[in-house]
Amino acid sequence: MKLTVLGASGGVGRQLVTHALADGHEVTAALRSPQKLTERHERLTVVRADALDAESVKAVVDGADAVLSGIGQAGRHDPLRPASTSARALVEAMTATGVRRLLVVSAAPLNRAGTGQSFLTRRLFGPLLWAALKELYTDLERMESVLRDSALDWTAVRPPRLTDKPGEGRYRHAVEAGPAGDVISRADVARAMLDFVDDPQTYGHAVGISR
């Protein structure tokens, strides 16, 4: 497939590029500072784009079979609200270009009801995380709301705590719920997102994943 990856220099974004190339896909890696991505491959095109601007995004998603975004906040406080702002830009750009499949990275604590998760996660860890990272999760919540209001075939992947450990190549997942695990590597998040690209059961849903 022809895949466009936004946020390709980030932790999940880099893994998306690496795994997509290993799977044999053609990849367009879009990022604000192309020099940050040093990977080179005959099926990789690295381009400059502003993921928060719909006009900039149109040029990099046009002709793609699917778009995968690793865009998120750089820290607890980010006035740009990158997750929700990029979601709006993507919806506008993809609607204009006729590209329908979109996968984004969200977070496990957005499963506020705690469906499928442990008692401690539901009653203790989830509320504590919301108290500490409210601004970040609120931005992700707005992002998911933008996607739910769109006509795209979207999937929001909700991982728990992320690590940079090597991927195991396996994961648990649950549609509109969360597996009991509390950690997953960024490599396995990328693996899941690529596996979900052509899985219609994930269209229009948030999908919890964990190790």
N, C-alpha and C. Protein backbone atom coordinates (compact mmCIF):
# COMPACT_ATOMS: atom_id res chain seq x y z
N MET A 1 0.83 -1.19 0.00
CA MET A 1 0.00 0.00 0.00
C MET A 1 0.87 1.25 0.00
N LYS A 2 0.23 2.36 -0.34
CA LYS A 2 0.87 3.66 -0.21
C LYS A 2 0.40 4.28 1.10
N LEU A 3 1.34 4.47 2.02
CA LEU A 3 1.01 4.97 3.35
C LEU A 3 1.67 6.31 3.60
N THR A 4 0.93 7.22 4.24
CA THR A 4 1.50 8.48 4.69
C THR A 4 1.58 8.44 6.21
N VAL A 5 2.75 8.77 6.74
CA VAL A 5 2.97 8.78 8.19
C VAL A 5 3.24 10.21 8.62
N LEU A 6 2.40 10.74 9.50
CA LEU A 6 2.61 12.06 10.09
C LEU A 6 3.27 11.91 11.46
N GLY A 7 4.10 12.88 11.81
CA GLY A 7 4.84 12.76 13.06
C GLY A 7 5.90 11.68 12.97
N ALA A 8 6.52 11.57 11.80
CA ALA A 8 7.41 10.44 11.51
C ALA A 8 8.72 10.48 12.28
N SER A 9 9.03 11.58 12.96
CA SER A 9 10.27 11.63 13.74
C SER A 9 10.03 11.32 15.21
N GLY A 10 8.77 11.12 15.61
CA GLY A 10 8.45 10.81 16.99
C GLY A 10 8.67 9.34 17.32
N GLY A 11 8.43 9.01 18.58
CA GLY A 11 8.70 7.64 19.03
C GLY A 11 7.89 6.60 18.29
N VAL A 12 6.58 6.78 18.18
CA VAL A 12 5.74 5.84 17.44
C VAL A 12 5.90 6.05 15.95
N GLY A 13 6.04 7.31 15.52
CA GLY A 13 6.17 7.61 14.10
C GLY A 13 7.35 6.92 13.45
N ARG A 14 8.50 6.95 14.10
CA ARG A 14 9.69 6.27 13.56
C ARG A 14 9.43 4.77 13.42
N GLN A 15 8.78 4.20 14.42
CA GLN A 15 8.48 2.77 14.35
C GLN A 15 7.50 2.46 13.23
N LEU A 16 6.55 3.35 13.00
CA LEU A 16 5.61 3.16 11.89
C LEU A 16 6.35 3.11 10.56
N VAL A 17 7.27 4.03 10.38
CA VAL A 17 8.05 4.07 9.14
C VAL A 17 8.84 2.78 8.98
N THR A 18 9.56 2.38 10.02
CA THR A 18 10.40 1.18 9.95
C THR A 18 9.58 -0.07 9.67
N HIS A 19 8.48 -0.24 10.39
CA HIS A 19 7.65 -1.44 10.22
C HIS A 19 6.94 -1.44 8.87
N ALA A 20 6.48 -0.28 8.42
CA ALA A 20 5.78 -0.22 7.14
C ALA A 20 6.71 -0.57 5.99
N LEU A 21 7.94 -0.10 6.05
CA LEU A 21 8.92 -0.44 5.01
C LEU A 21 9.24 -1.94 5.05
N ALA A 22 9.37 -2.48 6.26
CA ALA A 22 9.65 -3.91 6.40
C ALA A 22 8.51 -4.76 5.85
N ASP A 23 7.29 -4.22 5.91
CA ASP A 23 6.12 -4.93 5.39
C ASP A 23 5.99 -4.80 3.87
N GLY A 24 6.84 -3.96 3.26
CA GLY A 24 6.81 -3.83 1.81
C GLY A 24 5.99 -2.67 1.28
N HIS A 25 5.53 -1.78 2.16
CA HIS A 25 4.71 -0.66 1.72
C HIS A 25 5.57 0.49 1.17
N GLU A 26 4.94 1.35 0.39
CA GLU A 26 5.55 2.62 -0.01
C GLU A 26 5.16 3.66 1.04
N VAL A 27 6.14 4.37 1.55
CA VAL A 27 5.90 5.26 2.68
C VAL A 27 6.28 6.70 2.36
N THR A 28 5.35 7.62 2.62
CA THR A 28 5.66 9.04 2.62
C THR A 28 5.70 9.49 4.07
N ALA A 29 6.88 9.91 4.53
CA ALA A 29 7.06 10.36 5.91
C ALA A 29 6.99 11.87 5.92
N ALA A 30 5.98 12.41 6.59
CA ALA A 30 5.77 13.85 6.62
C ALA A 30 6.10 14.40 8.01
N LEU A 31 6.96 15.40 8.05
CA LEU A 31 7.33 16.00 9.32
C LEU A 31 7.80 17.43 9.11
N ARG A 32 7.72 18.19 10.17
CA ARG A 32 8.05 19.61 10.07
C ARG A 32 9.53 19.83 9.80
N SER A 33 10.36 18.95 10.35
CA SER A 33 11.82 19.06 10.16
C SER A 33 12.33 17.75 9.57
N PRO A 34 12.34 17.63 8.24
CA PRO A 34 12.72 16.36 7.59
C PRO A 34 14.08 15.84 8.00
N GLN A 35 15.00 16.73 8.39
CA GLN A 35 16.34 16.29 8.74
C GLN A 35 16.35 15.41 10.00
N LYS A 36 15.25 15.42 10.75
CA LYS A 36 15.19 14.61 11.96
C LYS A 36 15.03 13.12 11.67
N LEU A 37 14.61 12.81 10.44
CA LEU A 37 14.46 11.40 10.07
C LEU A 37 15.62 11.01 9.19
N THR A 38 16.53 10.20 9.72
CA THR A 38 17.75 9.85 9.00
C THR A 38 17.61 8.58 8.17
N GLU A 39 16.51 7.84 8.37
CA GLU A 39 16.33 6.59 7.64
C GLU A 39 16.19 6.85 6.14
N ARG A 40 16.81 5.98 5.35
CA ARG A 40 16.74 6.09 3.89
C ARG A 40 16.35 4.73 3.32
N HIS A 41 15.50 4.76 2.32
CA HIS A 41 15.04 3.53 1.69
C HIS A 41 14.46 3.87 0.33
N GLU A 42 14.54 2.94 -0.62
CA GLU A 42 14.04 3.22 -1.97
C GLU A 42 12.53 3.40 -2.00
N ARG A 43 11.82 2.87 -0.99
CA ARG A 43 10.36 3.05 -0.93
C ARG A 43 9.94 4.12 0.08
N LEU A 44 10.89 4.92 0.52
CA LEU A 44 10.61 5.98 1.50
C LEU A 44 10.82 7.36 0.88
N THR A 45 9.80 8.21 0.99
CA THR A 45 9.89 9.61 0.59
C THR A 45 9.69 10.47 1.82
N VAL A 46 10.66 11.32 2.09
CA VAL A 46 10.59 12.20 3.26
C VAL A 46 10.26 13.61 2.79
N VAL A 47 9.17 14.18 3.34
CA VAL A 47 8.72 15.50 2.90
C VAL A 47 8.46 16.41 4.10
N ARG A 48 8.54 17.70 3.85
CA ARG A 48 8.24 18.68 4.87
C ARG A 48 6.74 18.98 4.85
N ALA A 49 6.11 18.97 6.01
CA ALA A 49 4.68 19.30 6.10
C ALA A 49 4.36 19.73 7.52
N ASP A 50 3.37 20.58 7.62
CA ASP A 50 2.86 21.02 8.93
C ASP A 50 1.56 20.28 9.20
N ALA A 51 1.60 19.34 10.11
CA ALA A 51 0.44 18.49 10.39
C ALA A 51 -0.73 19.26 10.97
N LEU A 52 -0.50 20.49 11.39
CA LEU A 52 -1.57 21.29 11.98
C LEU A 52 -2.27 22.17 10.96
N ASP A 53 -1.82 22.10 9.70
CA ASP A 53 -2.36 22.95 8.65
C ASP A 53 -2.95 22.10 7.53
N ALA A 54 -4.24 22.25 7.27
CA ALA A 54 -4.93 21.39 6.30
C ALA A 54 -4.34 21.49 4.90
N GLU A 55 -3.99 22.70 4.48
CA GLU A 55 -3.44 22.87 3.13
C GLU A 55 -2.11 22.14 2.99
N SER A 56 -1.29 22.19 4.01
CA SER A 56 -0.01 21.50 3.99
C SER A 56 -0.22 19.98 3.98
N VAL A 57 -1.22 19.54 4.72
CA VAL A 57 -1.48 18.10 4.82
C VAL A 57 -2.03 17.53 3.51
N LYS A 58 -2.83 18.30 2.80
CA LYS A 58 -3.43 17.81 1.55
C LYS A 58 -2.39 17.24 0.61
N ALA A 59 -1.28 17.93 0.48
CA ALA A 59 -0.25 17.52 -0.48
C ALA A 59 0.38 16.18 -0.13
N VAL A 60 0.42 15.84 1.16
CA VAL A 60 1.10 14.60 1.55
C VAL A 60 0.15 13.41 1.71
N VAL A 61 -1.16 13.68 1.82
CA VAL A 61 -2.11 12.56 1.93
C VAL A 61 -2.73 12.20 0.58
N ASP A 62 -2.70 13.10 -0.36
CA ASP A 62 -3.32 12.85 -1.66
C ASP A 62 -2.73 11.61 -2.32
N GLY A 63 -3.58 10.66 -2.66
CA GLY A 63 -3.12 9.43 -3.31
C GLY A 63 -2.76 8.31 -2.36
N ALA A 64 -2.82 8.56 -1.05
CA ALA A 64 -2.48 7.51 -0.08
C ALA A 64 -3.62 6.51 0.08
N ASP A 65 -3.27 5.27 0.38
CA ASP A 65 -4.28 4.26 0.72
C ASP A 65 -4.70 4.39 2.18
N ALA A 66 -3.80 4.88 3.00
CA ALA A 66 -4.09 5.08 4.42
C ALA A 66 -3.12 6.10 4.99
N VAL A 67 -3.57 6.78 6.04
CA VAL A 67 -2.75 7.76 6.74
C VAL A 67 -2.63 7.32 8.19
N LEU A 68 -1.41 7.36 8.72
CA LEU A 68 -1.15 6.99 10.11
C LEU A 68 -0.47 8.15 10.81
N SER A 69 -1.02 8.56 11.94
CA SER A 69 -0.49 9.73 12.64
C SER A 69 0.00 9.39 14.03
N GLY A 70 1.22 9.84 14.30
CA GLY A 70 1.78 9.73 15.64
C GLY A 70 1.84 11.06 16.33
N ILE A 71 1.06 12.03 15.85
CA ILE A 71 1.08 13.38 16.39
C ILE A 71 0.50 13.41 17.80
N GLY A 72 1.20 14.09 18.70
CA GLY A 72 0.71 14.26 20.06
C GLY A 72 1.47 15.37 20.74
N GLN A 73 1.13 15.67 21.97
CA GLN A 73 1.79 16.75 22.69
C GLN A 73 3.22 16.39 23.03
N ALA A 74 4.07 17.41 23.00
CA ALA A 74 5.48 17.21 23.34
C ALA A 74 5.68 17.10 24.85
N GLY A 75 4.71 17.57 25.63
CA GLY A 75 4.81 17.51 27.08
C GLY A 75 3.43 17.70 27.70
N ARG A 76 3.40 17.97 28.98
CA ARG A 76 2.11 18.12 29.67
C ARG A 76 1.35 19.35 29.19
N HIS A 77 2.08 20.38 28.78
CA HIS A 77 1.45 21.63 28.36
C HIS A 77 1.90 21.99 26.95
N ASP A 78 0.97 22.05 26.05
CA ASP A 78 1.28 22.40 24.67
C ASP A 78 0.14 23.25 24.15
N PRO A 79 0.35 24.56 24.01
CA PRO A 79 -0.73 25.46 23.60
C PRO A 79 -1.25 25.19 22.18
N LEU A 80 -0.48 24.46 21.38
CA LEU A 80 -0.92 24.16 20.01
C LEU A 80 -2.00 23.07 19.98
N ARG A 81 -2.17 22.35 21.09
CA ARG A 81 -3.13 21.23 21.13
C ARG A 81 -2.99 20.38 19.86
N PRO A 82 -1.82 19.78 19.67
CA PRO A 82 -1.50 19.14 18.39
C PRO A 82 -2.39 17.97 18.01
N ALA A 83 -2.84 17.18 18.97
CA ALA A 83 -3.67 16.02 18.61
C ALA A 83 -4.98 16.45 17.98
N SER A 84 -5.69 17.34 18.64
CA SER A 84 -6.99 17.76 18.11
C SER A 84 -6.84 18.69 16.91
N THR A 85 -5.83 19.54 16.92
CA THR A 85 -5.62 20.45 15.79
C THR A 85 -5.23 19.68 14.54
N SER A 86 -4.36 18.70 14.69
CA SER A 86 -3.98 17.89 13.53
C SER A 86 -5.14 17.03 13.05
N ALA A 87 -6.00 16.59 13.98
CA ALA A 87 -7.17 15.81 13.57
C ALA A 87 -8.09 16.63 12.68
N ARG A 88 -8.31 17.87 13.06
CA ARG A 88 -9.15 18.74 12.22
C ARG A 88 -8.52 18.95 10.86
N ALA A 89 -7.21 19.17 10.83
CA ALA A 89 -6.51 19.36 9.56
C ALA A 89 -6.59 18.10 8.70
N LEU A 90 -6.45 16.95 9.32
CA LEU A 90 -6.51 15.69 8.59
C LEU A 90 -7.90 15.43 8.03
N VAL A 91 -8.92 15.66 8.83
CA VAL A 91 -10.29 15.45 8.34
C VAL A 91 -10.56 16.33 7.14
N GLU A 92 -10.16 17.59 7.21
CA GLU A 92 -10.38 18.50 6.09
C GLU A 92 -9.59 18.06 4.86
N ALA A 93 -8.31 17.74 5.06
CA ALA A 93 -7.45 17.37 3.94
C ALA A 93 -7.87 16.05 3.30
N MET A 94 -8.20 15.06 4.13
CA MET A 94 -8.57 13.75 3.60
C MET A 94 -9.94 13.78 2.93
N THR A 95 -10.85 14.57 3.46
CA THR A 95 -12.16 14.72 2.83
C THR A 95 -12.00 15.36 1.46
N ALA A 96 -11.12 16.35 1.38
CA ALA A 96 -10.92 17.06 0.11
C ALA A 96 -10.24 16.18 -0.94
N THR A 97 -9.38 15.27 -0.51
CA THR A 97 -8.62 14.43 -1.45
C THR A 97 -9.23 13.05 -1.65
N GLY A 98 -10.28 12.72 -0.90
CA GLY A 98 -10.95 11.44 -1.07
C GLY A 98 -10.26 10.27 -0.40
N VAL A 99 -9.31 10.55 0.49
CA VAL A 99 -8.63 9.48 1.24
C VAL A 99 -9.44 9.21 2.50
N ARG A 100 -9.74 7.94 2.80
CA ARG A 100 -10.69 7.63 3.87
C ARG A 100 -10.07 6.99 5.11
N ARG A 101 -8.99 6.24 4.97
CA ARG A 101 -8.49 5.45 6.10
C ARG A 101 -7.48 6.23 6.92
N LEU A 102 -7.78 6.39 8.21
CA LEU A 102 -6.92 7.14 9.12
C LEU A 102 -6.77 6.40 10.43
N LEU A 103 -5.53 6.29 10.90
CA LEU A 103 -5.25 5.71 12.21
C LEU A 103 -4.41 6.68 13.01
N VAL A 104 -4.78 6.89 14.27
CA VAL A 104 -4.07 7.83 15.13
C VAL A 104 -3.75 7.18 16.46
N VAL A 105 -2.79 7.78 17.17
CA VAL A 105 -2.42 7.30 18.50
C VAL A 105 -3.16 8.12 19.54
N SER A 106 -3.87 7.45 20.43
CA SER A 106 -4.56 8.10 21.53
C SER A 106 -3.94 7.57 22.83
N ALA A 107 -4.75 7.29 23.85
CA ALA A 107 -4.19 6.82 25.13
C ALA A 107 -5.23 6.02 25.90
N ALA A 108 -4.76 5.00 26.61
CA ALA A 108 -5.65 4.11 27.35
C ALA A 108 -6.54 4.82 28.36
N PRO A 109 -6.09 5.88 29.05
CA PRO A 109 -6.95 6.52 30.04
C PRO A 109 -8.20 7.17 29.46
N LEU A 110 -8.31 7.27 28.14
CA LEU A 110 -9.55 7.79 27.56
C LEU A 110 -10.68 6.79 27.67
N ASN A 111 -10.36 5.56 28.04
CA ASN A 111 -11.38 4.56 28.36
C ASN A 111 -11.85 4.86 29.78
N ARG A 112 -12.63 5.92 29.93
CA ARG A 112 -12.98 6.44 31.26
C ARG A 112 -13.77 5.43 32.08
N ALA A 113 -14.59 4.62 31.43
CA ALA A 113 -15.38 3.63 32.16
C ALA A 113 -14.52 2.48 32.65
N GLY A 114 -13.30 2.36 32.11
CA GLY A 114 -12.41 1.29 32.52
C GLY A 114 -12.82 -0.07 31.99
N THR A 115 -13.61 -0.09 30.92
CA THR A 115 -14.09 -1.36 30.36
C THR A 115 -12.93 -2.27 29.99
N GLY A 116 -12.94 -3.48 30.56
CA GLY A 116 -11.91 -4.46 30.25
C GLY A 116 -10.64 -4.31 31.05
N GLN A 117 -10.56 -3.29 31.90
CA GLN A 117 -9.34 -3.05 32.65
C GLN A 117 -9.48 -3.48 34.11
N SER A 118 -8.36 -3.52 34.80
CA SER A 118 -8.35 -4.01 36.18
C SER A 118 -9.04 -3.01 37.12
N PHE A 119 -9.40 -3.49 38.29
CA PHE A 119 -10.05 -2.64 39.30
C PHE A 119 -9.15 -1.47 39.67
N LEU A 120 -7.85 -1.75 39.88
CA LEU A 120 -6.93 -0.68 40.26
C LEU A 120 -6.81 0.38 39.18
N THR A 121 -6.82 -0.06 37.92
CA THR A 121 -6.73 0.89 36.81
C THR A 121 -7.98 1.77 36.77
N ARG A 122 -9.15 1.12 36.94
CA ARG A 122 -10.41 1.86 36.89
C ARG A 122 -10.54 2.86 38.03
N ARG A 123 -10.21 2.41 39.23
CA ARG A 123 -10.51 3.20 40.42
C ARG A 123 -9.36 4.06 40.93
N LEU A 124 -8.13 3.69 40.59
CA LEU A 124 -6.99 4.41 41.16
C LEU A 124 -6.10 5.04 40.09
N PHE A 125 -5.49 4.18 39.26
CA PHE A 125 -4.49 4.70 38.32
C PHE A 125 -5.09 5.61 37.27
N GLY A 126 -6.27 5.25 36.73
CA GLY A 126 -6.90 6.09 35.72
C GLY A 126 -7.18 7.50 36.23
N PRO A 127 -7.88 7.64 37.36
CA PRO A 127 -8.14 8.98 37.90
C PRO A 127 -6.87 9.75 38.23
N LEU A 128 -5.84 9.05 38.75
CA LEU A 128 -4.58 9.73 39.05
C LEU A 128 -3.92 10.27 37.79
N LEU A 129 -3.95 9.49 36.73
CA LEU A 129 -3.35 9.93 35.47
C LEU A 129 -4.10 11.13 34.90
N TRP A 130 -5.44 11.10 35.00
CA TRP A 130 -6.23 12.23 34.52
C TRP A 130 -5.90 13.49 35.33
N ALA A 131 -5.71 13.35 36.61
CA ALA A 131 -5.39 14.50 37.44
C ALA A 131 -4.02 15.09 37.08
N ALA A 132 -3.07 14.21 36.76
CA ALA A 132 -1.72 14.67 36.46
C ALA A 132 -1.57 15.17 35.02
N LEU A 133 -2.31 14.57 34.09
CA LEU A 133 -2.12 14.85 32.66
C LEU A 133 -3.41 15.30 31.99
N LYS A 134 -4.21 16.06 32.71
CA LYS A 134 -5.53 16.43 32.21
C LYS A 134 -5.46 17.15 30.87
N GLU A 135 -4.51 18.07 30.71
CA GLU A 135 -4.42 18.85 29.47
C GLU A 135 -4.12 17.95 28.28
N LEU A 136 -3.20 17.01 28.47
CA LEU A 136 -2.84 16.09 27.39
C LEU A 136 -4.03 15.21 27.01
N TYR A 137 -4.69 14.62 28.00
CA TYR A 137 -5.81 13.72 27.71
C TYR A 137 -7.02 14.47 27.15
N THR A 138 -7.20 15.70 27.58
CA THR A 138 -8.30 16.50 27.05
C THR A 138 -8.09 16.77 25.56
N ASP A 139 -6.84 17.02 25.18
CA ASP A 139 -6.52 17.21 23.76
C ASP A 139 -6.82 15.94 22.97
N LEU A 140 -6.44 14.80 23.51
CA LEU A 140 -6.72 13.53 22.84
C LEU A 140 -8.22 13.25 22.78
N GLU A 141 -8.93 13.62 23.82
CA GLU A 141 -10.38 13.44 23.84
C GLU A 141 -11.04 14.29 22.75
N ARG A 142 -10.56 15.52 22.60
CA ARG A 142 -11.07 16.37 21.52
C ARG A 142 -10.75 15.75 20.16
N MET A 143 -9.55 15.19 20.02
CA MET A 143 -9.16 14.53 18.78
C MET A 143 -10.13 13.42 18.42
N GLU A 144 -10.42 12.56 19.40
CA GLU A 144 -11.34 11.46 19.13
C GLU A 144 -12.74 11.98 18.78
N SER A 145 -13.16 13.06 19.42
CA SER A 145 -14.46 13.64 19.11
C SER A 145 -14.51 14.16 17.67
N VAL A 146 -13.43 14.79 17.23
CA VAL A 146 -13.35 15.26 15.84
C VAL A 146 -13.48 14.09 14.88
N LEU A 147 -12.81 13.00 15.18
CA LEU A 147 -12.86 11.83 14.30
C LEU A 147 -14.25 11.19 14.30
N ARG A 148 -14.88 11.10 15.47
CA ARG A 148 -16.21 10.50 15.54
C ARG A 148 -17.24 11.32 14.76
N ASP A 149 -17.00 12.61 14.64
CA ASP A 149 -17.92 13.47 13.89
C ASP A 149 -17.63 13.50 12.40
N SER A 150 -16.57 12.83 11.98
CA SER A 150 -16.17 12.84 10.57
C SER A 150 -16.78 11.66 9.83
N ALA A 151 -16.60 11.66 8.51
CA ALA A 151 -17.07 10.54 7.69
C ALA A 151 -15.93 9.62 7.30
N LEU A 152 -14.78 9.77 7.95
CA LEU A 152 -13.62 8.95 7.62
C LEU A 152 -13.73 7.55 8.23
N ASP A 153 -12.96 6.62 7.69
CA ASP A 153 -12.81 5.29 8.29
C ASP A 153 -11.62 5.39 9.25
N TRP A 154 -11.87 5.84 10.45
CA TRP A 154 -10.80 6.15 11.39
C TRP A 154 -10.68 5.08 12.47
N THR A 155 -9.51 5.01 13.07
CA THR A 155 -9.28 4.18 14.26
C THR A 155 -8.36 4.95 15.18
N ALA A 156 -8.73 5.05 16.45
CA ALA A 156 -7.87 5.65 17.47
C ALA A 156 -7.31 4.52 18.33
N VAL A 157 -6.02 4.33 18.28
CA VAL A 157 -5.36 3.26 19.04
C VAL A 157 -4.96 3.80 20.41
N ARG A 158 -5.43 3.13 21.46
CA ARG A 158 -5.23 3.60 22.83
C ARG A 158 -4.25 2.71 23.60
N PRO A 159 -2.97 3.05 23.59
CA PRO A 159 -2.01 2.28 24.38
C PRO A 159 -1.90 2.78 25.81
N PRO A 160 -1.43 1.94 26.73
CA PRO A 160 -1.12 2.39 28.09
C PRO A 160 0.30 2.99 28.10
N ARG A 161 1.03 2.81 29.17
CA ARG A 161 2.38 3.38 29.27
C ARG A 161 3.27 2.83 28.16
N LEU A 162 4.00 3.74 27.52
CA LEU A 162 4.83 3.37 26.38
C LEU A 162 6.29 3.20 26.79
N THR A 163 6.96 2.23 26.18
CA THR A 163 8.39 2.03 26.41
C THR A 163 9.12 1.99 25.07
N ASP A 164 10.43 2.12 25.15
CA ASP A 164 11.27 2.02 23.95
C ASP A 164 11.93 0.66 23.83
N LYS A 165 11.41 -0.33 24.54
CA LYS A 165 11.95 -1.68 24.44
C LYS A 165 11.68 -2.26 23.06
N PRO A 166 12.48 -3.24 22.64
CA PRO A 166 12.22 -3.89 21.35
C PRO A 166 10.82 -4.48 21.31
N GLY A 167 10.20 -4.42 20.16
CA GLY A 167 8.86 -4.97 20.01
C GLY A 167 8.85 -6.47 20.14
N GLU A 168 7.75 -7.01 20.65
CA GLU A 168 7.58 -8.45 20.75
C GLU A 168 6.84 -9.01 19.54
N GLY A 169 6.26 -8.11 18.75
CA GLY A 169 5.51 -8.56 17.57
C GLY A 169 4.14 -9.11 17.91
N ARG A 170 3.70 -8.89 19.13
CA ARG A 170 2.38 -9.37 19.54
C ARG A 170 1.80 -8.38 20.55
N TYR A 171 0.49 -8.42 20.70
CA TYR A 171 -0.19 -7.49 21.59
C TYR A 171 -1.61 -8.00 21.80
N ARG A 172 -2.27 -7.48 22.81
CA ARG A 172 -3.70 -7.73 23.01
C ARG A 172 -4.46 -6.48 22.59
N HIS A 173 -5.67 -6.67 22.10
CA HIS A 173 -6.46 -5.50 21.74
C HIS A 173 -7.94 -5.76 21.98
N ALA A 174 -8.68 -4.67 22.18
CA ALA A 174 -10.12 -4.76 22.42
C ALA A 174 -10.78 -3.50 21.87
N VAL A 175 -11.83 -3.68 21.09
CA VAL A 175 -12.54 -2.56 20.49
C VAL A 175 -13.41 -1.87 21.54
N GLU A 176 -13.24 -0.55 21.66
CA GLU A 176 -13.97 0.27 22.64
C GLU A 176 -13.83 -0.28 24.07
N ALA A 177 -12.66 -0.82 24.35
CA ALA A 177 -12.36 -1.34 25.68
C ALA A 177 -10.84 -1.32 25.84
N GLY A 178 -10.38 -1.84 26.97
CA GLY A 178 -8.94 -1.85 27.19
C GLY A 178 -8.46 -3.18 27.74
N PRO A 179 -7.47 -3.82 27.14
CA PRO A 179 -6.88 -5.01 27.75
C PRO A 179 -6.28 -4.67 29.11
N ALA A 180 -6.11 -5.68 29.94
CA ALA A 180 -5.68 -5.44 31.32
C ALA A 180 -4.24 -4.99 31.44
N GLY A 181 -3.43 -5.17 30.41
CA GLY A 181 -2.02 -4.80 30.50
C GLY A 181 -1.82 -3.31 30.69
N ASP A 182 -0.70 -2.95 31.37
CA ASP A 182 -0.46 -1.54 31.67
C ASP A 182 0.77 -0.99 30.96
N VAL A 183 1.29 -1.71 29.97
CA VAL A 183 2.49 -1.24 29.28
C VAL A 183 2.53 -1.86 27.88
N ILE A 184 3.21 -1.18 26.97
CA ILE A 184 3.45 -1.72 25.64
C ILE A 184 4.58 -0.92 25.01
N SER A 185 5.35 -1.56 24.15
CA SER A 185 6.44 -0.84 23.49
C SER A 185 5.90 -0.01 22.32
N ARG A 186 6.60 1.06 21.99
CA ARG A 186 6.21 1.87 20.84
C ARG A 186 6.27 1.05 19.55
N ALA A 187 7.21 0.11 19.49
CA ALA A 187 7.31 -0.75 18.32
C ALA A 187 6.04 -1.59 18.14
N ASP A 188 5.48 -2.08 19.23
CA ASP A 188 4.28 -2.90 19.12
C ASP A 188 3.03 -2.06 18.88
N VAL A 189 3.05 -0.79 19.30
CA VAL A 189 1.96 0.11 18.93
C VAL A 189 1.94 0.28 17.41
N ALA A 190 3.13 0.49 16.84
CA ALA A 190 3.22 0.62 15.38
C ALA A 190 2.77 -0.65 14.69
N ARG A 191 3.17 -1.80 15.25
CA ARG A 191 2.77 -3.09 14.66
C ARG A 191 1.24 -3.21 14.65
N ALA A 192 0.61 -2.84 15.75
CA ALA A 192 -0.84 -2.91 15.83
C ALA A 192 -1.50 -1.98 14.83
N MET A 193 -1.02 -0.75 14.74
CA MET A 193 -1.62 0.21 13.82
C MET A 193 -1.56 -0.29 12.38
N LEU A 194 -0.45 -0.86 12.01
CA LEU A 194 -0.32 -1.38 10.65
C LEU A 194 -1.21 -2.59 10.43
N ASP A 195 -1.34 -3.43 11.45
CA ASP A 195 -2.24 -4.58 11.34
C ASP A 195 -3.69 -4.14 11.19
N PHE A 196 -4.04 -3.02 11.83
CA PHE A 196 -5.43 -2.55 11.80
C PHE A 196 -5.80 -1.82 10.51
N VAL A 197 -4.82 -1.46 9.70
CA VAL A 197 -5.09 -0.66 8.50
C VAL A 197 -6.22 -1.25 7.66
N ASP A 198 -6.18 -2.55 7.45
CA ASP A 198 -7.20 -3.19 6.60
C ASP A 198 -8.14 -4.08 7.41
N ASP A 199 -8.35 -3.74 8.69
CA ASP A 199 -9.26 -4.49 9.55
C ASP A 199 -10.54 -3.69 9.74
N PRO A 200 -11.60 -4.01 9.02
CA PRO A 200 -12.83 -3.20 9.09
C PRO A 200 -13.49 -3.21 10.46
N GLN A 201 -13.17 -4.20 11.30
CA GLN A 201 -13.76 -4.23 12.64
C GLN A 201 -13.26 -3.08 13.51
N THR A 202 -12.17 -2.45 13.10
CA THR A 202 -11.64 -1.32 13.88
C THR A 202 -12.10 0.03 13.32
N TYR A 203 -12.79 0.02 12.18
CA TYR A 203 -13.20 1.29 11.57
C TYR A 203 -14.21 2.01 12.48
N GLY A 204 -13.99 3.29 12.70
CA GLY A 204 -14.92 4.08 13.49
C GLY A 204 -14.89 3.78 14.96
N HIS A 205 -13.75 3.24 15.46
CA HIS A 205 -13.67 2.86 16.87
C HIS A 205 -12.35 3.26 17.49
N ALA A 206 -12.38 3.39 18.81
CA ALA A 206 -11.16 3.42 19.62
C ALA A 206 -10.84 1.98 19.99
N VAL A 207 -9.57 1.63 19.88
CA VAL A 207 -9.15 0.25 20.16
C VAL A 207 -8.05 0.27 21.22
N GLY A 208 -8.32 -0.34 22.35
CA GLY A 208 -7.32 -0.45 23.40
C GLY A 208 -6.31 -1.54 23.07
N ILE A 209 -5.04 -1.26 23.32
CA ILE A 209 -4.00 -2.27 23.09
C ILE A 209 -3.09 -2.31 24.30
N SER A 210 -2.49 -3.47 24.53
CA SER A 210 -1.47 -3.59 25.59
C SER A 210 -0.65 -4.84 25.32
N ARG A 211 0.41 -4.99 26.07
CA ARG A 211 1.26 -6.18 25.93
C ARG A 211 0.50 -7.40 26.42
